[in-house]
Amino acid sequence: MRRAALSADDAVLVVGAGPIGLGAAAIAAADGARVVVADTQAERRAHVESELKLATLNPMDADFHEQLKAQFNGALAQVVIDATGNPHAMNGAVNHIRHGGKIVFVGLFKGNLEISDPDFHKKETTLMGSRNATMEDFIKVQQLMEQGKLTATMMLTHRFDFATIGVDYQASVVDNKELLKG
């Protein structure tokens, strides 16, 4: 998040509501940004809405861009943070930003991207990648947790009774294709 140099009230779209996306969204919101989270899975969107209290969108909806603009007073995002590691989503990130916008890739995949160069240049896009956290990042997370702006429950989707953990884990994690992370 530090690399994105967010300002309070920036319009931020976080694509992907897995653990990395949840963390990025929570930190951006704690910094005062207006955050919308996009994910294809309804369960993940529901988790974001209930735990992070943020607006969500389904990027597969035919009118996704209109919905996104409605969240940001008729404009696209100033910053797109892609936490999917999905090449299709990453290639399309430039479509979600306004002129002068920033794209930050925090998701990773082993391959090449194919971003539309005319759109990239026309929007005067800033593109950056972020791979590892620094000590400064960990200190910020600690401070946000101390302030109650970040909580462990923001990341928790399942709880198990210790007596039945083996059966519960198999059913809820191993066999669950909708789980954020196991």
N, C-alpha and C. Protein backbone atom coordinates (compact mmCIF):
# COMPACT_ATOMS: atom_id res chain seq x y z
N MET A 1 0.82 -1.18 0.00
CA MET A 1 0.00 0.00 0.00
C MET A 1 0.87 1.26 0.00
N ARG A 2 1.99 1.17 0.67
CA ARG A 2 2.90 2.31 0.72
C ARG A 2 3.33 2.72 -0.67
N ARG A 3 3.60 1.76 -1.54
CA ARG A 3 4.05 2.06 -2.90
C ARG A 3 2.99 2.80 -3.68
N ALA A 4 1.73 2.58 -3.39
CA ALA A 4 0.65 3.25 -4.11
C ALA A 4 0.54 4.72 -3.72
N ALA A 5 1.15 5.10 -2.61
CA ALA A 5 1.12 6.49 -2.12
C ALA A 5 -0.31 7.03 -2.12
N LEU A 6 -1.20 6.30 -1.46
CA LEU A 6 -2.60 6.71 -1.41
C LEU A 6 -2.77 7.99 -0.61
N SER A 7 -3.73 8.78 -1.04
CA SER A 7 -4.13 9.97 -0.30
C SER A 7 -5.53 9.72 0.26
N ALA A 8 -5.83 10.39 1.35
CA ALA A 8 -7.18 10.28 1.91
C ALA A 8 -8.18 10.67 0.83
N ASP A 9 -9.22 9.92 0.73
CA ASP A 9 -10.32 10.15 -0.20
C ASP A 9 -10.01 9.70 -1.64
N ASP A 10 -8.87 9.04 -1.89
CA ASP A 10 -8.62 8.45 -3.21
C ASP A 10 -9.68 7.40 -3.50
N ALA A 11 -10.05 7.26 -4.75
CA ALA A 11 -10.99 6.24 -5.20
C ALA A 11 -10.19 5.01 -5.59
N VAL A 12 -10.30 3.94 -4.78
CA VAL A 12 -9.47 2.76 -4.95
C VAL A 12 -10.33 1.54 -5.25
N LEU A 13 -9.97 0.83 -6.31
CA LEU A 13 -10.59 -0.45 -6.63
C LEU A 13 -9.58 -1.55 -6.32
N VAL A 14 -9.95 -2.46 -5.43
CA VAL A 14 -9.14 -3.63 -5.14
C VAL A 14 -9.79 -4.80 -5.87
N VAL A 15 -9.03 -5.44 -6.74
CA VAL A 15 -9.54 -6.58 -7.50
C VAL A 15 -8.99 -7.85 -6.88
N GLY A 16 -9.90 -8.67 -6.36
CA GLY A 16 -9.52 -9.91 -5.70
C GLY A 16 -9.70 -9.80 -4.20
N ALA A 17 -10.58 -10.63 -3.64
CA ALA A 17 -10.88 -10.57 -2.21
C ALA A 17 -10.33 -11.79 -1.46
N GLY A 18 -9.15 -12.25 -1.88
CA GLY A 18 -8.44 -13.25 -1.10
C GLY A 18 -7.69 -12.55 0.01
N PRO A 19 -6.82 -13.24 0.73
CA PRO A 19 -6.12 -12.62 1.86
C PRO A 19 -5.33 -11.37 1.50
N ILE A 20 -4.65 -11.36 0.37
CA ILE A 20 -3.87 -10.18 -0.02
C ILE A 20 -4.81 -9.02 -0.34
N GLY A 21 -5.86 -9.28 -1.09
CA GLY A 21 -6.82 -8.24 -1.42
C GLY A 21 -7.54 -7.70 -0.20
N LEU A 22 -7.90 -8.59 0.73
CA LEU A 22 -8.54 -8.14 1.97
C LEU A 22 -7.62 -7.21 2.75
N GLY A 23 -6.35 -7.59 2.85
CA GLY A 23 -5.40 -6.74 3.56
C GLY A 23 -5.22 -5.40 2.88
N ALA A 24 -5.09 -5.41 1.56
CA ALA A 24 -4.93 -4.16 0.81
C ALA A 24 -6.15 -3.26 0.98
N ALA A 25 -7.34 -3.85 0.89
CA ALA A 25 -8.57 -3.07 1.03
C ALA A 25 -8.70 -2.48 2.43
N ALA A 26 -8.41 -3.29 3.44
CA ALA A 26 -8.52 -2.82 4.82
C ALA A 26 -7.55 -1.69 5.11
N ILE A 27 -6.32 -1.80 4.62
CA ILE A 27 -5.33 -0.75 4.86
C ILE A 27 -5.70 0.52 4.09
N ALA A 28 -6.13 0.38 2.84
CA ALA A 28 -6.53 1.55 2.06
C ALA A 28 -7.70 2.27 2.74
N ALA A 29 -8.67 1.51 3.23
CA ALA A 29 -9.82 2.12 3.91
C ALA A 29 -9.37 2.80 5.21
N ALA A 30 -8.47 2.16 5.95
CA ALA A 30 -7.96 2.75 7.19
C ALA A 30 -7.22 4.05 6.92
N ASP A 31 -6.62 4.16 5.74
CA ASP A 31 -5.91 5.38 5.35
C ASP A 31 -6.85 6.46 4.82
N GLY A 32 -8.15 6.17 4.77
CA GLY A 32 -9.12 7.17 4.37
C GLY A 32 -9.55 7.11 2.92
N ALA A 33 -9.07 6.13 2.17
CA ALA A 33 -9.47 6.00 0.77
C ALA A 33 -10.91 5.51 0.68
N ARG A 34 -11.56 5.84 -0.42
CA ARG A 34 -12.88 5.28 -0.74
C ARG A 34 -12.61 3.99 -1.51
N VAL A 35 -12.93 2.86 -0.91
CA VAL A 35 -12.52 1.56 -1.44
C VAL A 35 -13.72 0.74 -1.90
N VAL A 36 -13.59 0.16 -3.08
CA VAL A 36 -14.54 -0.81 -3.60
C VAL A 36 -13.73 -2.07 -3.90
N VAL A 37 -14.29 -3.22 -3.57
CA VAL A 37 -13.61 -4.50 -3.81
C VAL A 37 -14.39 -5.28 -4.86
N ALA A 38 -13.68 -5.77 -5.87
CA ALA A 38 -14.31 -6.58 -6.92
C ALA A 38 -13.81 -8.02 -6.80
N ASP A 39 -14.75 -8.95 -6.85
CA ASP A 39 -14.40 -10.37 -6.84
C ASP A 39 -15.53 -11.13 -7.53
N THR A 40 -15.17 -12.24 -8.18
CA THR A 40 -16.16 -13.03 -8.90
C THR A 40 -16.99 -13.91 -7.98
N GLN A 41 -16.51 -14.19 -6.77
CA GLN A 41 -17.21 -15.09 -5.87
C GLN A 41 -18.11 -14.34 -4.90
N ALA A 42 -19.38 -14.71 -4.91
CA ALA A 42 -20.38 -14.06 -4.04
C ALA A 42 -20.02 -14.18 -2.57
N GLU A 43 -19.47 -15.32 -2.16
CA GLU A 43 -19.12 -15.53 -0.75
C GLU A 43 -18.03 -14.56 -0.31
N ARG A 44 -17.08 -14.33 -1.18
CA ARG A 44 -16.02 -13.38 -0.85
C ARG A 44 -16.57 -11.96 -0.77
N ARG A 45 -17.44 -11.61 -1.69
CA ARG A 45 -18.03 -10.26 -1.64
C ARG A 45 -18.84 -10.09 -0.36
N ALA A 46 -19.60 -11.10 0.02
CA ALA A 46 -20.39 -11.03 1.26
C ALA A 46 -19.47 -10.86 2.47
N HIS A 47 -18.34 -11.55 2.49
CA HIS A 47 -17.39 -11.42 3.59
C HIS A 47 -16.85 -9.99 3.67
N VAL A 48 -16.50 -9.41 2.54
CA VAL A 48 -15.99 -8.04 2.51
C VAL A 48 -17.05 -7.07 3.04
N GLU A 49 -18.28 -7.25 2.61
CA GLU A 49 -19.36 -6.36 3.04
C GLU A 49 -19.62 -6.48 4.54
N SER A 50 -19.61 -7.71 5.07
CA SER A 50 -19.95 -7.88 6.48
C SER A 50 -18.78 -7.56 7.42
N GLU A 51 -17.56 -7.92 7.03
CA GLU A 51 -16.42 -7.74 7.93
C GLU A 51 -15.67 -6.43 7.72
N LEU A 52 -15.50 -6.01 6.48
CA LEU A 52 -14.76 -4.78 6.20
C LEU A 52 -15.69 -3.59 6.00
N LYS A 53 -16.97 -3.87 5.83
CA LYS A 53 -17.99 -2.81 5.62
C LYS A 53 -17.67 -1.97 4.39
N LEU A 54 -17.23 -2.65 3.32
CA LEU A 54 -16.90 -1.97 2.07
C LEU A 54 -17.84 -2.42 0.97
N ALA A 55 -18.01 -1.56 -0.01
CA ALA A 55 -18.83 -1.89 -1.18
C ALA A 55 -18.10 -2.92 -2.03
N THR A 56 -18.87 -3.78 -2.67
CA THR A 56 -18.29 -4.79 -3.55
C THR A 56 -19.02 -4.81 -4.89
N LEU A 57 -18.31 -5.32 -5.89
CA LEU A 57 -18.88 -5.49 -7.23
C LEU A 57 -18.41 -6.82 -7.79
N ASN A 58 -19.20 -7.35 -8.72
CA ASN A 58 -18.82 -8.55 -9.45
C ASN A 58 -18.23 -8.10 -10.78
N PRO A 59 -16.94 -8.31 -11.02
CA PRO A 59 -16.33 -7.84 -12.27
C PRO A 59 -16.85 -8.55 -13.51
N MET A 60 -17.61 -9.62 -13.33
CA MET A 60 -18.18 -10.34 -14.46
C MET A 60 -19.52 -9.75 -14.91
N ASP A 61 -20.10 -8.86 -14.12
CA ASP A 61 -21.37 -8.22 -14.50
C ASP A 61 -21.19 -7.41 -15.77
N ALA A 62 -22.16 -7.48 -16.65
CA ALA A 62 -22.09 -6.77 -17.93
C ALA A 62 -21.95 -5.27 -17.74
N ASP A 63 -22.54 -4.73 -16.68
CA ASP A 63 -22.48 -3.28 -16.45
C ASP A 63 -21.49 -2.92 -15.33
N PHE A 64 -20.43 -3.72 -15.20
CA PHE A 64 -19.43 -3.50 -14.15
C PHE A 64 -18.90 -2.07 -14.15
N HIS A 65 -18.54 -1.55 -15.32
CA HIS A 65 -17.95 -0.20 -15.36
C HIS A 65 -18.95 0.87 -14.92
N GLU A 66 -20.20 0.69 -15.27
CA GLU A 66 -21.22 1.65 -14.82
C GLU A 66 -21.39 1.57 -13.31
N GLN A 67 -21.38 0.36 -12.77
CA GLN A 67 -21.47 0.19 -11.32
C GLN A 67 -20.26 0.81 -10.62
N LEU A 68 -19.08 0.61 -11.20
CA LEU A 68 -17.86 1.19 -10.63
C LEU A 68 -17.93 2.71 -10.63
N LYS A 69 -18.33 3.27 -11.74
CA LYS A 69 -18.46 4.73 -11.82
C LYS A 69 -19.48 5.25 -10.81
N ALA A 70 -20.55 4.51 -10.60
CA ALA A 70 -21.56 4.93 -9.62
C ALA A 70 -20.98 5.00 -8.21
N GLN A 71 -20.01 4.15 -7.92
CA GLN A 71 -19.37 4.15 -6.60
C GLN A 71 -18.45 5.36 -6.41
N PHE A 72 -17.92 5.88 -7.52
CA PHE A 72 -16.94 6.96 -7.46
C PHE A 72 -17.44 8.23 -8.15
N ASN A 73 -18.69 8.57 -7.94
CA ASN A 73 -19.28 9.82 -8.45
C ASN A 73 -19.10 10.00 -9.95
N GLY A 74 -19.31 8.94 -10.71
CA GLY A 74 -19.27 9.03 -12.16
C GLY A 74 -17.91 8.83 -12.79
N ALA A 75 -16.89 8.55 -11.99
CA ALA A 75 -15.53 8.38 -12.52
C ALA A 75 -15.03 6.96 -12.25
N LEU A 76 -14.02 6.57 -12.98
CA LEU A 76 -13.35 5.31 -12.70
C LEU A 76 -12.40 5.48 -11.51
N ALA A 77 -11.72 4.43 -11.13
CA ALA A 77 -10.83 4.46 -9.97
C ALA A 77 -9.57 5.28 -10.25
N GLN A 78 -9.06 5.92 -9.21
CA GLN A 78 -7.76 6.58 -9.30
C GLN A 78 -6.64 5.56 -9.16
N VAL A 79 -6.90 4.54 -8.36
CA VAL A 79 -5.91 3.49 -8.11
C VAL A 79 -6.60 2.13 -8.23
N VAL A 80 -6.00 1.23 -8.98
CA VAL A 80 -6.44 -0.16 -9.03
C VAL A 80 -5.35 -1.01 -8.41
N ILE A 81 -5.72 -1.78 -7.41
CA ILE A 81 -4.80 -2.72 -6.78
C ILE A 81 -5.27 -4.11 -7.17
N ASP A 82 -4.49 -4.80 -7.98
CA ASP A 82 -4.87 -6.14 -8.42
C ASP A 82 -4.18 -7.17 -7.56
N ALA A 83 -4.99 -7.93 -6.82
CA ALA A 83 -4.47 -8.96 -5.93
C ALA A 83 -4.85 -10.35 -6.41
N THR A 84 -5.22 -10.47 -7.68
CA THR A 84 -5.71 -11.75 -8.18
C THR A 84 -4.61 -12.69 -8.63
N GLY A 85 -3.56 -12.15 -9.21
CA GLY A 85 -2.58 -13.02 -9.85
C GLY A 85 -3.15 -13.70 -11.08
N ASN A 86 -4.25 -13.16 -11.58
CA ASN A 86 -4.92 -13.71 -12.76
C ASN A 86 -4.57 -12.85 -13.97
N PRO A 87 -3.96 -13.42 -15.01
CA PRO A 87 -3.52 -12.60 -16.15
C PRO A 87 -4.65 -11.84 -16.83
N HIS A 88 -5.84 -12.42 -16.92
CA HIS A 88 -6.97 -11.73 -17.55
C HIS A 88 -7.33 -10.47 -16.75
N ALA A 89 -7.43 -10.62 -15.44
CA ALA A 89 -7.75 -9.47 -14.58
C ALA A 89 -6.65 -8.42 -14.64
N MET A 90 -5.40 -8.87 -14.60
CA MET A 90 -4.29 -7.93 -14.61
C MET A 90 -4.21 -7.18 -15.94
N ASN A 91 -4.42 -7.89 -17.04
CA ASN A 91 -4.40 -7.24 -18.36
C ASN A 91 -5.50 -6.19 -18.48
N GLY A 92 -6.62 -6.41 -17.80
CA GLY A 92 -7.74 -5.48 -17.90
C GLY A 92 -7.72 -4.34 -16.91
N ALA A 93 -6.73 -4.30 -16.03
CA ALA A 93 -6.69 -3.27 -14.98
C ALA A 93 -6.72 -1.86 -15.54
N VAL A 94 -6.08 -1.64 -16.68
CA VAL A 94 -6.04 -0.30 -17.28
C VAL A 94 -7.44 0.19 -17.65
N ASN A 95 -8.37 -0.73 -17.86
CA ASN A 95 -9.74 -0.35 -18.20
C ASN A 95 -10.50 0.24 -17.02
N HIS A 96 -10.00 0.03 -15.81
CA HIS A 96 -10.72 0.45 -14.61
C HIS A 96 -10.21 1.77 -14.03
N ILE A 97 -9.14 2.34 -14.61
CA ILE A 97 -8.60 3.58 -14.03
C ILE A 97 -8.96 4.79 -14.88
N ARG A 98 -9.00 5.91 -14.21
CA ARG A 98 -9.23 7.18 -14.90
C ARG A 98 -7.89 7.73 -15.39
N HIS A 99 -7.93 8.81 -16.11
CA HIS A 99 -6.72 9.47 -16.62
C HIS A 99 -5.80 9.81 -15.45
N GLY A 100 -4.53 9.47 -15.59
CA GLY A 100 -3.55 9.74 -14.54
C GLY A 100 -3.56 8.73 -13.42
N GLY A 101 -4.28 7.63 -13.61
CA GLY A 101 -4.42 6.63 -12.56
C GLY A 101 -3.21 5.75 -12.37
N LYS A 102 -3.26 4.99 -11.28
CA LYS A 102 -2.17 4.08 -10.92
C LYS A 102 -2.70 2.66 -10.88
N ILE A 103 -1.85 1.73 -11.29
CA ILE A 103 -2.13 0.31 -11.15
C ILE A 103 -1.02 -0.29 -10.31
N VAL A 104 -1.40 -1.05 -9.29
CA VAL A 104 -0.42 -1.75 -8.45
C VAL A 104 -0.75 -3.23 -8.52
N PHE A 105 0.20 -4.02 -9.00
CA PHE A 105 0.04 -5.47 -9.04
C PHE A 105 0.67 -6.06 -7.78
N VAL A 106 -0.16 -6.62 -6.91
CA VAL A 106 0.35 -7.34 -5.75
C VAL A 106 0.15 -8.84 -5.90
N GLY A 107 -0.73 -9.23 -6.82
CA GLY A 107 -0.89 -10.64 -7.17
C GLY A 107 0.17 -11.00 -8.21
N LEU A 108 0.57 -12.25 -8.24
CA LEU A 108 1.66 -12.67 -9.10
C LEU A 108 1.25 -13.93 -9.85
N PHE A 109 1.63 -14.00 -11.12
CA PHE A 109 1.52 -15.25 -11.86
C PHE A 109 2.78 -15.40 -12.69
N LYS A 110 3.07 -16.62 -13.08
CA LYS A 110 4.31 -16.88 -13.83
C LYS A 110 3.99 -16.85 -15.31
N GLY A 111 4.07 -15.68 -15.88
CA GLY A 111 3.78 -15.52 -17.29
C GLY A 111 3.96 -14.08 -17.70
N ASN A 112 3.53 -13.76 -18.89
CA ASN A 112 3.66 -12.40 -19.43
C ASN A 112 2.30 -11.72 -19.49
N LEU A 113 2.31 -10.42 -19.29
CA LEU A 113 1.09 -9.62 -19.41
C LEU A 113 1.00 -9.02 -20.79
N GLU A 114 -0.22 -8.74 -21.22
CA GLU A 114 -0.45 -8.06 -22.50
C GLU A 114 -1.43 -6.91 -22.26
N ILE A 115 -0.89 -5.79 -21.85
CA ILE A 115 -1.69 -4.60 -21.56
C ILE A 115 -1.82 -3.78 -22.83
N SER A 116 -3.01 -3.23 -23.05
CA SER A 116 -3.24 -2.39 -24.22
C SER A 116 -2.37 -1.14 -24.13
N ASP A 117 -1.36 -1.06 -24.99
CA ASP A 117 -0.45 0.08 -24.95
C ASP A 117 -1.16 1.40 -25.27
N PRO A 118 -2.04 1.47 -26.28
CA PRO A 118 -2.72 2.75 -26.52
C PRO A 118 -3.51 3.23 -25.30
N ASP A 119 -4.24 2.32 -24.63
CA ASP A 119 -5.00 2.72 -23.44
C ASP A 119 -4.06 3.11 -22.30
N PHE A 120 -2.99 2.36 -22.14
CA PHE A 120 -2.01 2.64 -21.09
C PHE A 120 -1.44 4.04 -21.25
N HIS A 121 -1.04 4.39 -22.48
CA HIS A 121 -0.46 5.71 -22.73
C HIS A 121 -1.51 6.82 -22.70
N LYS A 122 -2.66 6.56 -23.27
CA LYS A 122 -3.72 7.57 -23.32
C LYS A 122 -4.11 8.03 -21.91
N LYS A 123 -4.11 7.09 -20.97
CA LYS A 123 -4.50 7.41 -19.60
C LYS A 123 -3.32 7.90 -18.75
N GLU A 124 -2.12 7.96 -19.35
CA GLU A 124 -0.92 8.37 -18.61
C GLU A 124 -0.81 7.59 -17.30
N THR A 125 -0.82 6.29 -17.45
CA THR A 125 -0.87 5.34 -16.34
C THR A 125 0.47 5.19 -15.64
N THR A 126 0.41 5.07 -14.33
CA THR A 126 1.56 4.67 -13.54
C THR A 126 1.35 3.21 -13.15
N LEU A 127 2.34 2.37 -13.44
CA LEU A 127 2.25 0.93 -13.16
C LEU A 127 3.37 0.54 -12.20
N MET A 128 3.01 -0.20 -11.16
CA MET A 128 4.02 -0.68 -10.23
C MET A 128 3.65 -2.07 -9.72
N GLY A 129 4.67 -2.77 -9.31
CA GLY A 129 4.48 -4.08 -8.70
C GLY A 129 4.98 -4.04 -7.27
N SER A 130 4.40 -4.87 -6.45
CA SER A 130 4.84 -4.95 -5.06
C SER A 130 4.85 -6.42 -4.67
N ARG A 131 5.95 -6.88 -4.16
CA ARG A 131 6.10 -8.31 -3.88
C ARG A 131 6.25 -8.62 -2.40
N ASN A 132 7.05 -7.86 -1.69
CA ASN A 132 7.35 -8.18 -0.30
C ASN A 132 7.11 -6.99 0.61
N ALA A 133 6.73 -7.28 1.84
CA ALA A 133 6.54 -6.24 2.83
C ALA A 133 7.88 -5.86 3.45
N THR A 134 7.95 -4.63 3.94
CA THR A 134 9.15 -4.15 4.63
C THR A 134 8.84 -4.01 6.12
N MET A 135 9.84 -3.74 6.90
CA MET A 135 9.64 -3.51 8.33
C MET A 135 8.65 -2.37 8.54
N GLU A 136 8.76 -1.33 7.73
CA GLU A 136 7.84 -0.19 7.81
C GLU A 136 6.39 -0.65 7.62
N ASP A 137 6.17 -1.59 6.70
CA ASP A 137 4.82 -2.11 6.46
C ASP A 137 4.29 -2.86 7.68
N PHE A 138 5.14 -3.69 8.30
CA PHE A 138 4.72 -4.44 9.48
C PHE A 138 4.40 -3.51 10.64
N ILE A 139 5.18 -2.45 10.79
CA ILE A 139 4.91 -1.47 11.85
C ILE A 139 3.56 -0.81 11.62
N LYS A 140 3.27 -0.47 10.37
CA LYS A 140 1.98 0.16 10.05
C LYS A 140 0.83 -0.78 10.38
N VAL A 141 0.95 -2.05 10.01
CA VAL A 141 -0.10 -3.03 10.31
C VAL A 141 -0.30 -3.13 11.82
N GLN A 142 0.79 -3.18 12.56
CA GLN A 142 0.70 -3.24 14.02
C GLN A 142 -0.04 -2.01 14.57
N GLN A 143 0.30 -0.83 14.06
CA GLN A 143 -0.35 0.40 14.52
C GLN A 143 -1.85 0.38 14.19
N LEU A 144 -2.19 -0.06 12.99
CA LEU A 144 -3.60 -0.13 12.61
C LEU A 144 -4.37 -1.13 13.47
N MET A 145 -3.71 -2.22 13.85
CA MET A 145 -4.35 -3.20 14.73
C MET A 145 -4.55 -2.61 16.13
N GLU A 146 -3.55 -1.89 16.61
CA GLU A 146 -3.66 -1.24 17.92
C GLU A 146 -4.79 -0.22 17.94
N GLN A 147 -5.02 0.43 16.80
CA GLN A 147 -6.09 1.43 16.69
C GLN A 147 -7.46 0.80 16.41
N GLY A 148 -7.48 -0.52 16.19
CA GLY A 148 -8.73 -1.21 15.89
C GLY A 148 -9.19 -1.06 14.45
N LYS A 149 -8.34 -0.51 13.59
CA LYS A 149 -8.71 -0.33 12.18
C LYS A 149 -8.47 -1.59 11.36
N LEU A 150 -7.64 -2.48 11.86
CA LEU A 150 -7.41 -3.80 11.27
C LEU A 150 -7.64 -4.82 12.37
N THR A 151 -8.40 -5.86 12.06
CA THR A 151 -8.65 -6.91 13.04
C THR A 151 -8.45 -8.27 12.39
N ALA A 152 -8.16 -9.25 13.22
CA ALA A 152 -8.00 -10.62 12.71
C ALA A 152 -9.30 -11.14 12.11
N THR A 153 -10.44 -10.71 12.64
CA THR A 153 -11.72 -11.21 12.11
C THR A 153 -11.97 -10.78 10.67
N MET A 154 -11.27 -9.75 10.22
CA MET A 154 -11.41 -9.34 8.82
C MET A 154 -10.95 -10.44 7.88
N MET A 155 -10.10 -11.33 8.36
CA MET A 155 -9.54 -12.39 7.53
C MET A 155 -10.16 -13.76 7.80
N LEU A 156 -10.91 -13.90 8.88
CA LEU A 156 -11.43 -15.21 9.27
C LEU A 156 -12.78 -15.51 8.62
N THR A 157 -12.85 -16.65 7.98
CA THR A 157 -14.12 -17.09 7.38
C THR A 157 -14.67 -18.34 8.05
N HIS A 158 -13.82 -19.10 8.74
CA HIS A 158 -14.25 -20.36 9.35
C HIS A 158 -13.63 -20.51 10.74
N ARG A 159 -14.40 -21.13 11.64
CA ARG A 159 -13.89 -21.49 12.96
C ARG A 159 -14.27 -22.95 13.20
N PHE A 160 -13.38 -23.69 13.88
CA PHE A 160 -13.62 -25.12 14.11
C PHE A 160 -13.52 -25.45 15.59
N ASP A 161 -14.33 -26.42 16.01
CA ASP A 161 -14.24 -26.97 17.35
C ASP A 161 -13.06 -27.95 17.36
N PHE A 162 -12.23 -27.87 18.37
CA PHE A 162 -11.03 -28.71 18.40
C PHE A 162 -11.38 -30.20 18.39
N ALA A 163 -12.48 -30.59 19.03
CA ALA A 163 -12.85 -32.01 19.12
C ALA A 163 -13.17 -32.62 17.75
N THR A 164 -13.65 -31.81 16.82
CA THR A 164 -14.04 -32.33 15.49
C THR A 164 -13.24 -31.68 14.37
N ILE A 165 -12.06 -31.19 14.69
CA ILE A 165 -11.30 -30.41 13.71
C ILE A 165 -10.96 -31.21 12.45
N GLY A 166 -10.66 -32.48 12.57
CA GLY A 166 -10.30 -33.28 11.39
C GLY A 166 -11.44 -33.35 10.39
N VAL A 167 -12.62 -33.69 10.85
CA VAL A 167 -13.80 -33.78 9.98
C VAL A 167 -14.18 -32.40 9.46
N ASP A 168 -14.18 -31.42 10.35
CA ASP A 168 -14.55 -30.05 9.94
C ASP A 168 -13.58 -29.50 8.91
N TYR A 169 -12.29 -29.75 9.12
CA TYR A 169 -11.28 -29.24 8.19
C TYR A 169 -11.44 -29.87 6.81
N GLN A 170 -11.67 -31.17 6.77
CA GLN A 170 -11.87 -31.85 5.49
C GLN A 170 -13.07 -31.26 4.75
N ALA A 171 -14.18 -31.10 5.44
CA ALA A 171 -15.41 -30.62 4.79
C ALA A 171 -15.34 -29.13 4.45
N SER A 172 -14.79 -28.35 5.35
CA SER A 172 -14.84 -26.89 5.17
C SER A 172 -13.64 -26.30 4.45
N VAL A 173 -12.52 -27.03 4.42
CA VAL A 173 -11.32 -26.49 3.79
C VAL A 173 -10.91 -27.32 2.58
N VAL A 174 -10.61 -28.57 2.79
CA VAL A 174 -10.11 -29.41 1.70
C VAL A 174 -11.13 -29.54 0.58
N ASP A 175 -12.40 -29.77 0.93
CA ASP A 175 -13.44 -29.97 -0.07
C ASP A 175 -14.17 -28.68 -0.46
N ASN A 176 -13.78 -27.55 0.09
CA ASN A 176 -14.48 -26.28 -0.14
C ASN A 176 -13.77 -25.46 -1.21
N LYS A 177 -14.40 -25.30 -2.35
CA LYS A 177 -13.81 -24.55 -3.46
C LYS A 177 -14.04 -23.04 -3.32
N GLU A 178 -14.81 -22.61 -2.31
CA GLU A 178 -15.13 -21.20 -2.14
C GLU A 178 -14.35 -20.55 -1.01
N LEU A 179 -13.48 -21.31 -0.36
CA LEU A 179 -12.70 -20.82 0.76
C LEU A 179 -11.68 -19.78 0.30
N LEU A 180 -11.51 -18.72 1.09
CA LEU A 180 -10.51 -17.71 0.76
C LEU A 180 -9.12 -18.34 0.69
N LYS A 181 -8.68 -18.95 1.74
CA LYS A 181 -7.41 -19.69 1.78
C LYS A 181 -7.51 -20.74 2.87
N GLY A 182 -6.88 -21.88 2.66
CA GLY A 182 -6.92 -22.96 3.65
C GLY A 182 -5.63 -23.11 4.37
